[in-house]
PDB file of N, CA and C in Angstrom:
ATOM      1  N   MET A   1     -47.458  51.164   9.110  1.00  0.00           N
ATOM      2  CA  MET A   1     -48.578  50.782   9.941  1.00  0.00           C
ATOM      3  C   MET A   1     -48.788  49.271   9.929  1.00  0.00           C
ATOM      4  N   LYS A   2     -48.680  48.657   8.732  1.00  0.00           N
ATOM      5  CA  LYS A   2     -48.866  47.212   8.634  1.00  0.00           C
ATOM      6  C   LYS A   2     -47.760  46.472   9.377  1.00  0.00           C
ATOM      7  N   ILE A   3     -46.557  47.044   9.389  1.00  0.00           N
ATOM      8  CA  ILE A   3     -45.449  46.405  10.091  1.00  0.00           C
ATOM      9  C   ILE A   3     -45.716  46.414  11.594  1.00  0.00           C
ATOM     10  N   ALA A   4     -46.275  47.493  12.112  1.00  0.00           N
ATOM     11  CA  ALA A   4     -46.582  47.590  13.538  1.00  0.00           C
ATOM     12  C   ALA A   4     -47.646  46.568  13.928  1.00  0.00           C
ATOM     13  N   ILE A   5     -48.652  46.393  13.088  1.00  0.00           N
ATOM     14  CA  ILE A   5     -49.710  45.413  13.374  1.00  0.00           C
ATOM     15  C   ILE A   5     -49.138  43.997  13.319  1.00  0.00           C
ATOM     16  N   ALA A   6     -48.325  43.717  12.308  1.00  0.00           N
ATOM     17  CA  ALA A   6     -47.731  42.391  12.189  1.00  0.00           C
ATOM     18  C   ALA A   6     -46.812  42.096  13.368  1.00  0.00           C
ATOM     19  N   THR A   7     -46.029  43.081  13.791  1.00  0.00           N
ATOM     20  CA  THR A   7     -45.136  42.909  14.932  1.00  0.00           C
ATOM     21  C   THR A   7     -45.946  42.675  16.207  1.00  0.00           C
ATOM     22  N   GLY A   8     -47.035  43.409  16.369  1.00  0.00           N
ATOM     23  CA  GLY A   8     -47.893  43.232  17.537  1.00  0.00           C
ATOM     24  C   GLY A   8     -48.526  41.857  17.579  1.00  0.00           C
ATOM     25  N   LEU A   9     -49.013  41.379  16.435  1.00  0.00           N
ATOM     26  CA  LEU A   9     -49.609  40.047  16.376  1.00  0.00           C
ATOM     27  C   LEU A   9     -48.570  38.961  16.647  1.00  0.00           C
ATOM     28  N   PHE A  10     -47.358  39.146  16.134  1.00  0.00           N
ATOM     29  CA  PHE A  10     -46.287  38.187  16.393  1.00  0.00           C
ATOM     30  C   PHE A  10     -45.957  38.138  17.883  1.00  0.00           C
ATOM     31  N   ALA A  11     -45.837  39.314  18.505  1.00  0.00           N
ATOM     32  CA  ALA A  11     -45.529  39.369  19.938  1.00  0.00           C
ATOM     33  C   ALA A  11     -46.648  38.722  20.758  1.00  0.00           C
ATOM     34  N   LEU A  12     -47.887  38.983  20.387  1.00  0.00           N
ATOM     35  CA  LEU A  12     -49.025  38.403  21.091  1.00  0.00           C
ATOM     36  C   LEU A  12     -49.032  36.882  20.965  1.00  0.00           C
ATOM     37  N   SER A  13     -48.708  36.367  19.776  1.00  0.00           N
ATOM     38  CA  SER A  13     -48.687  34.913  19.606  1.00  0.00           C
ATOM     39  C   SER A  13     -47.550  34.283  20.408  1.00  0.00           C
ATOM     40  N   MET A  14     -46.421  34.958  20.526  1.00  0.00           N
ATOM     41  CA  MET A  14     -45.313  34.429  21.326  1.00  0.00           C
ATOM     42  C   MET A  14     -45.685  34.375  22.813  1.00  0.00           C
ATOM     43  N   VAL A  15     -46.384  35.389  23.287  1.00  0.00           N
ATOM     44  CA  VAL A  15     -46.831  35.400  24.682  1.00  0.00           C
ATOM     45  C   VAL A  15     -47.835  34.279  24.919  1.00  0.00           C
ATOM     46  N   ALA A  16     -48.741  34.085  23.978  1.00  0.00           N
ATOM     47  CA  ALA A  16     -49.746  33.022  24.124  1.00  0.00           C
ATOM     48  C   ALA A  16     -49.091  31.648  24.138  1.00  0.00           C
ATOM     49  N   MET A  17     -48.119  31.420  23.267  1.00  0.00           N
ATOM     50  CA  MET A  17     -47.443  30.120  23.253  1.00  0.00           C
ATOM     51  C   MET A  17     -46.621  29.921  24.525  1.00  0.00           C
ATOM     52  N   GLY A  18     -46.031  30.971  25.032  1.00  0.00           N
ATOM     53  CA  GLY A  18     -45.280  30.867  26.281  1.00  0.00           C
ATOM     54  C   GLY A  18     -46.183  30.520  27.448  1.00  0.00           C
ATOM     55  N   GLY A  19     -47.379  31.073  27.466  1.00  0.00           N
ATOM     56  CA  GLY A  19     -48.335  30.769  28.522  1.00  0.00           C
ATOM     57  C   GLY A  19     -48.798  29.327  28.467  1.00  0.00           C
ATOM     58  N   CYS A  20     -49.013  28.800  27.292  1.00  0.00           N
ATOM     59  CA  CYS A  20     -49.447  27.405  27.151  1.00  0.00           C
ATOM     60  C   CYS A  20     -48.347  26.442  27.569  1.00  0.00           C
ATOM     61  N   SER A  21     -47.128  26.761  27.238  1.00  0.00           N
ATOM     62  CA  SER A  21     -46.049  25.840  27.587  1.00  0.00           C
ATOM     63  C   SER A  21     -45.788  25.832  29.087  1.00  0.00           C
ATOM     64  N   SER A  22     -46.029  26.946  29.773  1.00  0.00           N
ATOM     65  CA  SER A  22     -45.822  26.962  31.218  1.00  0.00           C
ATOM     66  C   SER A  22     -46.910  26.188  31.949  1.00  0.00           C
ATOM     67  N   MET A  23     -48.086  26.067  31.387  1.00  0.00           N
ATOM     68  CA  MET A  23     -49.168  25.310  32.016  1.00  0.00           C
ATOM     69  C   MET A  23     -48.860  23.813  32.012  1.00  0.00           C
ATOM     70  N   GLN A  24     -48.130  23.334  31.053  1.00  0.00           N
ATOM     71  CA  GLN A  24     -47.822  21.914  30.960  1.00  0.00           C
ATOM     72  C   GLN A  24     -46.946  21.473  32.128  1.00  0.00           C
ATOM     73  N   ASP A  25     -45.997  22.301  32.541  1.00  0.00           N
ATOM     74  CA  ASP A  25     -45.125  21.942  33.649  1.00  0.00           C
ATOM     75  C   ASP A  25     -45.911  21.800  34.943  1.00  0.00           C
ATOM     76  N   LYS A  26     -46.853  22.667  35.182  1.00  0.00           N
ATOM     77  CA  LYS A  26     -47.638  22.615  36.411  1.00  0.00           C
ATOM     78  C   LYS A  26     -48.553  21.395  36.423  1.00  0.00           C
ATOM     79  N   ALA A  27     -49.042  20.994  35.278  1.00  0.00           N
ATOM     80  CA  ALA A  27     -49.938  19.844  35.211  1.00  0.00           C
ATOM     81  C   ALA A  27     -49.199  18.555  35.546  1.00  0.00           C
ATOM     82  N   THR A  28     -47.940  18.448  35.191  1.00  0.00           N
ATOM     83  CA  THR A  28     -47.212  17.221  35.475  1.00  0.00           C
ATOM     84  C   THR A  28     -46.796  17.134  36.938  1.00  0.00           C
ATOM     85  N   VAL A  29     -46.681  18.251  37.617  1.00  0.00           N
ATOM     86  CA  VAL A  29     -46.266  18.251  39.018  1.00  0.00           C
ATOM     87  C   VAL A  29     -47.424  17.855  39.925  1.00  0.00           C
ATOM     88  N   ALA A  30     -48.616  18.303  39.619  1.00  0.00           N
ATOM     89  CA  ALA A  30     -49.766  18.100  40.500  1.00  0.00           C
ATOM     90  C   ALA A  30     -50.462  16.777  40.221  1.00  0.00           C
ATOM     91  N   LYS A  31     -49.762  15.681  40.437  1.00  0.00           N
ATOM     92  CA  LYS A  31     -50.374  14.360  40.264  1.00  0.00           C
ATOM     93  C   LYS A  31     -50.954  13.912  41.599  1.00  0.00           C
ATOM     94  N   GLY A  32     -51.988  13.136  41.540  1.00  0.00           N
ATOM     95  CA  GLY A  32     -52.605  12.613  42.746  1.00  0.00           C
ATOM     96  C   GLY A  32     -54.087  12.441  42.539  1.00  0.00           C
ATOM     97  N   ILE A  33     -54.765  12.058  43.609  1.00  0.00           N
ATOM     98  CA  ILE A  33     -56.204  11.835  43.532  1.00  0.00           C
ATOM     99  C   ILE A  33     -56.880  12.508  44.721  1.00  0.00           C
ATOM    100  N   ASP A  34     -58.157  12.795  44.556  1.00  0.00           N
ATOM    101  CA  ASP A  34     -58.973  13.332  45.646  1.00  0.00           C
ATOM    102  C   ASP A  34     -59.860  12.211  46.165  1.00  0.00           C
ATOM    103  N   VAL A  35     -59.829  11.996  47.488  1.00  0.00           N
ATOM    104  CA  VAL A  35     -60.655  10.963  48.114  1.00  0.00           C
ATOM    105  C   VAL A  35     -61.470  11.603  49.238  1.00  0.00           C
ATOM    106  N   ASP A  36     -62.543  10.926  49.617  1.00  0.00           N
ATOM    107  CA  ASP A  36     -63.365  11.425  50.727  1.00  0.00           C
ATOM    108  C   ASP A  36     -62.533  11.453  52.007  1.00  0.00           C
ATOM    109  N   ASP A  37     -62.701  12.512  52.783  1.00  0.00           N
ATOM    110  CA  ASP A  37     -61.986  12.664  54.054  1.00  0.00           C
ATOM    111  C   ASP A  37     -62.836  12.024  55.147  1.00  0.00           C
ATOM    112  N   ALA A  38     -62.706  10.710  55.306  1.00  0.00           N
ATOM    113  CA  ALA A  38     -63.544   9.946  56.231  1.00  0.00           C
ATOM    114  C   ALA A  38     -63.312  10.351  57.680  1.00  0.00           C
ATOM    115  N   ASP A  39     -62.089  10.709  58.042  1.00  0.00           N
ATOM    116  CA  ASP A  39     -61.805  11.115  59.425  1.00  0.00           C
ATOM    117  C   ASP A  39     -62.562  12.390  59.788  1.00  0.00           C
ATOM    118  N   TYR A  40     -62.552  13.365  58.888  1.00  0.00           N
ATOM    119  CA  TYR A  40     -63.252  14.620  59.142  1.00  0.00           C
ATOM    120  C   TYR A  40     -64.768  14.397  59.200  1.00  0.00           C
ATOM    121  N   VAL A  41     -65.274  13.568  58.294  1.00  0.00           N
ATOM    122  CA  VAL A  41     -66.714  13.273  58.283  1.00  0.00           C
ATOM    123  C   VAL A  41     -67.117  12.622  59.606  1.00  0.00           C
ATOM    124  N   ALA A  42     -66.308  11.692  60.093  1.00  0.00           N
ATOM    125  CA  ALA A  42     -66.622  11.007  61.352  1.00  0.00           C
ATOM    126  C   ALA A  42     -66.602  11.976  62.528  1.00  0.00           C
ATOM    127  N   ARG A  43     -65.622  12.881  62.563  1.00  0.00           N
ATOM    128  CA  ARG A  43     -65.559  13.860  63.664  1.00  0.00           C
ATOM    129  C   ARG A  43     -66.778  14.771  63.669  1.00  0.00           C
ATOM    130  N   VAL A  44     -67.155  15.262  62.478  1.00  0.00           N
ATOM    131  CA  VAL A  44     -68.311  16.166  62.394  1.00  0.00           C
ATOM    132  C   VAL A  44     -69.589  15.442  62.767  1.00  0.00           C
ATOM    133  N   GLU A  45     -69.770  14.236  62.281  1.00  0.00           N
ATOM    134  CA  GLU A  45     -70.986  13.498  62.600  1.00  0.00           C
ATOM    135  C   GLU A  45     -71.051  13.119  64.076  1.00  0.00           C
ATOM    136  N   ASN A  46     -69.918  12.827  64.688  1.00  0.00           N
ATOM    137  CA  ASN A  46     -69.878  12.531  66.119  1.00  0.00           C
ATOM    138  C   ASN A  46     -70.272  13.764  66.934  1.00  0.00           C
ATOM    139  N   MET A  47     -69.743  14.930  66.557  1.00  0.00           N
ATOM    140  CA  MET A  47     -70.121  16.166  67.254  1.00  0.00           C
ATOM    141  C   MET A  47     -71.602  16.464  67.065  1.00  0.00           C
ATOM    142  N   ALA A  48     -72.127  16.187  65.872  1.00  0.00           N
ATOM    143  CA  ALA A  48     -73.538  16.443  65.597  1.00  0.00           C
ATOM    144  C   ALA A  48     -74.430  15.563  66.452  1.00  0.00           C
ATOM    145  N   ILE A  49     -74.045  14.308  66.642  1.00  0.00           N
ATOM    146  CA  ILE A  49     -74.835  13.398  67.481  1.00  0.00           C
ATOM    147  C   ILE A  49     -74.862  13.896  68.920  1.00  0.00           C
ATOM    148  N   HIS A  50     -73.727  14.335  69.429  1.00  0.00           N
ATOM    149  CA  HIS A  50     -73.670  14.834  70.807  1.00  0.00           C
ATOM    150  C   HIS A  50     -74.472  16.119  70.992  1.00  0.00           C
ATOM    151  N   ARG A  51     -74.599  16.906  69.936  1.00  0.00           N
ATOM    152  CA  ARG A  51     -75.352  18.162  70.031  1.00  0.00           C
ATOM    153  C   ARG A  51     -76.812  18.002  69.634  1.00  0.00           C
ATOM    154  N   GLY A  52     -77.185  16.810  69.175  1.00  0.00           N
ATOM    155  CA  GLY A  52     -78.584  16.551  68.844  1.00  0.00           C
ATOM    156  C   GLY A  52     -79.024  17.095  67.499  1.00  0.00           C
ATOM    157  N   VAL A  53     -78.103  17.212  66.573  1.00  0.00           N
ATOM    158  CA  VAL A  53     -78.463  17.676  65.233  1.00  0.00           C
ATOM    159  C   VAL A  53     -78.073  16.606  64.216  1.00  0.00           C
ATOM    160  N   SER A  54     -78.649  16.721  63.029  1.00  0.00           N
ATOM    161  CA  SER A  54     -78.297  15.774  61.974  1.00  0.00           C
ATOM    162  C   SER A  54     -77.514  16.503  60.889  1.00  0.00           C
ATOM    163  N   VAL A  55     -76.670  15.756  60.222  1.00  0.00           N
ATOM    164  CA  VAL A  55     -75.837  16.314  59.165  1.00  0.00           C
ATOM    165  C   VAL A  55     -76.167  15.613  57.858  1.00  0.00           C
ATOM    166  N   ARG A  56     -76.390  16.395  56.814  1.00  0.00           N
ATOM    167  CA  ARG A  56     -76.587  15.842  55.481  1.00  0.00           C
ATOM    168  C   ARG A  56     -75.502  16.439  54.588  1.00  0.00           C
ATOM    169  N   TRP A  57     -74.608  15.598  54.099  1.00  0.00           N
ATOM    170  CA  TRP A  57     -73.493  16.053  53.269  1.00  0.00           C
ATOM    171  C   TRP A  57     -73.976  16.204  51.834  1.00  0.00           C
ATOM    172  N   VAL A  58     -73.997  17.426  51.357  1.00  0.00           N
ATOM    173  CA  VAL A  58     -74.324  17.676  49.954  1.00  0.00           C
ATOM    174  C   VAL A  58     -73.075  17.452  49.107  1.00  0.00           C
ATOM    175  N   ASN A  59     -71.970  18.030  49.539  1.00  0.00           N
ATOM    176  CA  ASN A  59     -70.665  17.817  48.911  1.00  0.00           C
ATOM    177  C   ASN A  59     -69.712  17.354  50.007  1.00  0.00           C
ATOM    178  N   PRO A  60     -69.518  16.055  50.138  1.00  0.00           N
ATOM    179  CA  PRO A  60     -68.645  15.572  51.212  1.00  0.00           C
ATOM    180  C   PRO A  60     -67.225  16.123  51.051  1.00  0.00           C
ATOM    181  N   PRO A  61     -66.561  16.388  52.169  1.00  0.00           N
ATOM    182  CA  PRO A  61     -65.207  16.934  52.081  1.00  0.00           C
ATOM    183  C   PRO A  61     -64.234  15.912  51.497  1.00  0.00           C
ATOM    184  N   THR A  62     -63.281  16.420  50.738  1.00  0.00           N
ATOM    185  CA  THR A  62     -62.288  15.549  50.135  1.00  0.00           C
ATOM    186  C   THR A  62     -60.896  16.034  50.536  1.00  0.00           C
ATOM    187  N   LYS A  63     -59.933  15.149  50.394  1.00  0.00           N
ATOM    188  CA  LYS A  63     -58.540  15.524  50.616  1.00  0.00           C
ATOM    189  C   LYS A  63     -57.712  14.994  49.454  1.00  0.00           C
ATOM    190  N   HIS A  64     -56.640  15.709  49.152  1.00  0.00           N
ATOM    191  CA  HIS A  64     -55.789  15.361  48.020  1.00  0.00           C
ATOM    192  C   HIS A  64     -54.666  14.451  48.496  1.00  0.00           C
ATOM    193  N   ILE A  65     -54.501  13.338  47.823  1.00  0.00           N
ATOM    194  CA  ILE A  65     -53.430  12.399  48.157  1.00  0.00           C
ATOM    195  C   ILE A  65     -52.456  12.382  46.983  1.00  0.00           C
ATOM    196  N   ASP A  66     -51.175  12.657  47.272  1.00  0.00           N
ATOM    197  CA  ASP A  66     -50.160  12.638  46.231  1.00  0.00           C
ATOM    198  C   ASP A  66     -49.890  11.220  45.779  1.00  0.00           C
ATOM    199  N   ALA A  67     -49.704  11.079  44.484  1.00  0.00           N
ATOM    200  CA  ALA A  67     -49.394   9.759  43.911  1.00  0.00           C
ATOM    201  C   ALA A  67     -47.915   9.450  44.149  1.00  0.00           C
ATOM    202  N   LYS A  68     -47.638   8.253  44.586  1.00  0.00           N
ATOM    203  CA  LYS A  68     -46.255   7.814  44.795  1.00  0.00           C
ATOM    204  C   LYS A  68     -45.708   7.292  43.470  1.00  0.00           C
ATOM    205  N   GLN A  69     -44.496   7.693  43.153  1.00  0.00           N
ATOM    206  CA  GLN A  69     -43.902   7.224  41.889  1.00  0.00           C
ATOM    207  C   GLN A  69     -42.740   6.336  42.145  1.00  0.00           C
TER     208      GLN A  69
END
């Protein structure tokens, strides 16, 4: 019984370490920054002016820009 528990814990720790190591690869690929999407904001605000409504941005839209290496 103790061997089964020890084997199970070993297998679980190997799966956990494998999951952590795979996350590192994805983090290095997704480099870049998020900036305000000024073009989209301008289009929406222009449409709002023509329709006679006002826009208040609580969370302004952003776009992801890849970093050049």
